[in-house]
N, C-alpha and C. Protein backbone atom coordinates (compact mmCIF):
# COMPACT_ATOMS: atom_id res chain seq x y z
N UNK A 1 13.46 12.31 16.65
CA UNK A 1 13.73 13.04 15.63
C UNK A 1 12.53 14.11 15.37
N UNK A 2 12.67 15.38 14.94
CA UNK A 2 11.69 16.39 14.86
C UNK A 2 11.30 16.54 13.26
N UNK A 3 9.97 16.81 13.32
CA UNK A 3 9.44 17.40 11.96
C UNK A 3 8.73 18.59 12.16
N UNK A 4 9.12 19.51 11.91
CA UNK A 4 8.66 20.67 12.28
C UNK A 4 7.30 21.25 11.16
N UNK A 5 6.22 21.35 11.81
CA UNK A 5 4.94 21.70 10.99
C UNK A 5 4.82 20.78 9.90
N UNK A 6 4.81 19.41 10.69
CA UNK A 6 4.57 18.32 9.92
C UNK A 6 3.35 17.54 10.11
N UNK A 7 2.40 18.06 11.08
CA UNK A 7 1.29 17.61 11.37
C UNK A 7 0.11 17.83 10.42
N UNK A 8 -0.46 16.71 9.60
CA UNK A 8 -1.46 16.88 8.72
C UNK A 8 -3.03 17.59 9.35
N UNK A 9 -2.79 17.39 10.64
CA UNK A 9 -4.19 17.65 11.15
C UNK A 9 -3.93 19.42 11.73
N UNK A 10 -3.24 19.67 12.40
CA UNK A 10 -2.97 21.12 12.84
C UNK A 10 -1.74 21.95 12.47
N UNK A 11 -0.93 21.21 11.62
CA UNK A 11 0.33 21.81 11.18
C UNK A 11 1.47 22.24 12.11
N UNK A 12 1.31 21.33 13.31
CA UNK A 12 2.06 21.20 14.64
C UNK A 12 3.27 20.44 14.20
N UNK A 13 4.16 20.47 15.33
CA UNK A 13 5.54 19.78 14.95
C UNK A 13 5.23 18.45 15.66
N UNK A 14 5.90 17.28 14.64
CA UNK A 14 5.79 15.97 15.09
C UNK A 14 6.94 15.16 15.38
N UNK A 15 6.95 14.47 16.43
CA UNK A 15 8.51 13.88 16.81
C UNK A 15 8.07 12.45 16.74
N UNK A 16 9.18 11.84 16.35
CA UNK A 16 9.54 10.25 16.22
C UNK A 16 9.57 9.99 17.59
N UNK A 17 8.95 8.85 18.10
CA UNK A 17 8.81 8.13 19.29
C UNK A 17 8.78 6.41 18.85
N UNK A 18 9.26 5.61 19.96
CA UNK A 18 9.33 4.36 19.74
C UNK A 18 8.99 3.60 21.16
N UNK A 19 7.93 2.58 20.95
CA UNK A 19 7.78 1.72 22.12
C UNK A 19 7.72 0.16 22.01
N UNK A 20 7.33 -0.69 22.69
CA UNK A 20 7.21 -2.05 22.48
C UNK A 20 6.49 -2.39 21.32
N UNK A 21 5.66 -1.58 20.91
CA UNK A 21 4.88 -2.00 19.36
C UNK A 21 5.45 -1.65 18.07
N UNK A 22 6.54 -0.70 18.07
CA UNK A 22 6.89 -0.31 16.99
C UNK A 22 7.31 1.36 17.28
N UNK A 23 7.70 2.04 15.88
CA UNK A 23 7.84 3.42 15.73
C UNK A 23 6.86 4.03 15.69
N UNK A 24 6.48 5.34 16.09
CA UNK A 24 5.33 6.19 15.70
C UNK A 24 5.53 7.75 15.71
N UNK A 25 4.86 8.30 15.12
CA UNK A 25 4.89 9.89 15.06
C UNK A 25 4.14 10.47 16.16
N UNK A 26 4.15 11.60 16.80
CA UNK A 26 3.06 12.04 17.63
C UNK A 26 3.24 13.85 17.58
N UNK A 27 2.03 14.63 17.57
CA UNK A 27 1.96 15.73 17.56
C UNK A 27 1.94 16.27 18.89
N UNK A 28 3.20 17.48 19.20
CA UNK A 28 3.04 18.00 20.27
C UNK A 28 1.76 18.70 20.61
N UNK A 29 1.38 19.66 19.63
CA UNK A 29 0.30 20.40 19.93
C UNK A 29 -1.23 19.65 20.15
N UNK A 30 -1.92 19.02 18.97
CA UNK A 30 -2.98 18.23 19.10
C UNK A 30 -3.21 17.07 19.45
N UNK A 31 -1.88 16.16 19.57
CA UNK A 31 -1.91 14.75 20.17
C UNK A 31 -2.45 13.68 18.73
N UNK A 32 -2.17 14.26 17.73
CA UNK A 32 -2.15 13.29 16.63
C UNK A 32 -1.35 12.27 16.58
N UNK A 33 -1.82 10.93 16.33
CA UNK A 33 -0.74 10.07 16.37
C UNK A 33 -0.84 9.03 15.15
N UNK A 34 0.31 8.68 14.82
CA UNK A 34 0.31 7.75 13.61
C UNK A 34 1.29 6.75 13.69
N UNK A 35 1.31 5.39 13.90
CA UNK A 35 1.91 4.35 13.73
C UNK A 35 2.55 4.36 12.29
N UNK A 36 4.09 3.99 12.29
CA UNK A 36 4.83 4.01 11.19
C UNK A 36 4.83 2.62 10.72
N UNK A 37 4.68 2.38 9.46
CA UNK A 37 5.21 0.85 8.95
C UNK A 37 6.61 0.72 9.21
N UNK A 38 6.40 -0.77 9.23
CA UNK A 38 7.99 -1.33 9.45
C UNK A 38 9.02 -0.95 8.42
N UNK A 39 8.61 -0.84 7.00
CA UNK A 39 9.68 -0.87 6.04
C UNK A 39 10.14 1.01 6.34
N UNK A 40 9.12 1.86 6.88
CA UNK A 40 9.44 3.30 6.94
C UNK A 40 10.21 3.48 8.34
N UNK A 41 9.81 2.66 9.36
CA UNK A 41 10.19 2.92 10.44
C UNK A 41 11.97 2.41 10.54
N UNK A 42 12.23 1.53 9.60
CA UNK A 42 13.63 0.88 9.40
C UNK A 42 14.46 1.65 8.54
N UNK A 43 13.73 3.12 7.84
CA UNK A 43 14.49 3.36 6.76
C UNK A 43 15.57 4.44 7.20
N UNK A 44 16.65 4.72 6.31
CA UNK A 44 17.65 5.85 6.56
C UNK A 44 16.90 7.01 7.11
N UNK A 45 17.66 7.72 7.91
CA UNK A 45 17.00 8.82 8.65
C UNK A 45 16.73 9.99 7.43
N UNK A 46 17.53 9.97 6.60
CA UNK A 46 17.38 10.89 5.84
C UNK A 46 16.12 10.81 4.66
N UNK A 47 15.37 9.64 4.68
CA UNK A 47 14.40 9.39 3.77
C UNK A 47 13.20 10.00 4.17
N UNK A 48 12.52 10.61 3.36
CA UNK A 48 11.24 11.28 3.57
C UNK A 48 9.85 10.48 3.26
N UNK A 49 8.91 10.45 4.62
CA UNK A 49 7.83 9.77 4.17
C UNK A 49 6.41 10.68 4.49
N UNK A 50 5.71 10.41 4.00
CA UNK A 50 4.45 10.93 4.02
C UNK A 50 3.57 10.61 4.93
N UNK A 51 2.46 11.52 5.65
CA UNK A 51 1.69 11.15 6.95
C UNK A 51 0.40 11.55 6.14
N UNK A 52 -0.50 10.62 6.24
CA UNK A 52 -1.85 10.87 5.40
C UNK A 52 -2.85 10.87 6.61
N UNK A 53 -3.75 11.91 6.69
CA UNK A 53 -4.73 11.94 7.57
C UNK A 53 -6.16 11.94 6.73
N UNK A 54 -7.03 11.61 7.72
CA UNK A 54 -8.47 11.67 7.16
C UNK A 54 -8.85 12.91 6.73
N UNK A 55 -9.20 13.22 5.52
CA UNK A 55 -9.68 14.52 5.33
C UNK A 55 -11.23 14.96 5.64
N UNK A 56 -11.34 16.20 6.31
CA UNK A 56 -12.45 16.63 6.71
C UNK A 56 -13.74 16.58 5.81
N UNK A 57 -14.95 16.08 5.98
CA UNK A 57 -15.99 16.30 4.97
C UNK A 57 -16.69 17.28 5.35
N UNK A 58 -16.94 18.12 4.08
CA UNK A 58 -17.91 19.51 4.13
C UNK A 58 -19.22 19.11 4.40
N UNK A 59 -19.59 19.82 5.61
CA UNK A 59 -21.29 19.51 5.59
C UNK A 59 -21.80 20.59 4.35
N UNK A 60 -22.92 20.05 3.71
CA UNK A 60 -23.78 21.11 2.97
C UNK A 60 -24.80 21.65 3.65
N UNK A 61 -24.97 23.08 3.47
CA UNK A 61 -26.01 23.86 4.24
C UNK A 61 -27.12 23.98 3.43
N UNK A 62 -28.30 23.65 4.01
CA UNK A 62 -29.36 23.89 3.09
C UNK A 62 -30.00 25.22 3.61
N UNK A 63 -30.76 25.99 2.38
CA UNK A 63 -31.17 27.09 2.71
C UNK A 63 -32.62 26.84 3.38
N UNK A 64 -32.96 27.32 4.35
CA UNK A 64 -34.29 27.15 5.15
C UNK A 64 -35.23 28.28 4.61
N UNK A 65 -36.41 27.87 4.23
CA UNK A 65 -37.17 29.11 3.85
C UNK A 65 -37.70 29.79 5.01
N UNK A 66 -37.57 31.22 4.63
CA UNK A 66 -37.91 32.43 6.07
C UNK A 66 -39.42 32.52 5.78
N UNK A 67 -39.88 32.45 7.12
CA UNK A 67 -41.47 32.84 7.20
C UNK A 67 -41.79 34.55 6.79
N UNK A 68 -42.88 34.73 6.13
CA UNK A 68 -43.02 36.22 5.50
C UNK A 68 -43.55 36.97 6.96
């Protein structure tokens, strides 16, 4: 199953895969990977789930005094 523009990192396309450890989604463009919980992995196909990704922390920039 494909989730177009569903990647929280790059807004690329996610696809649902399964291996011996369970189901997961992976992004074709950036390689983002997220394991799915068992209750979501066994849910009906039409059910929607939310994938959360860590938010980028904004770095504060300090003003450096200029030499005269």
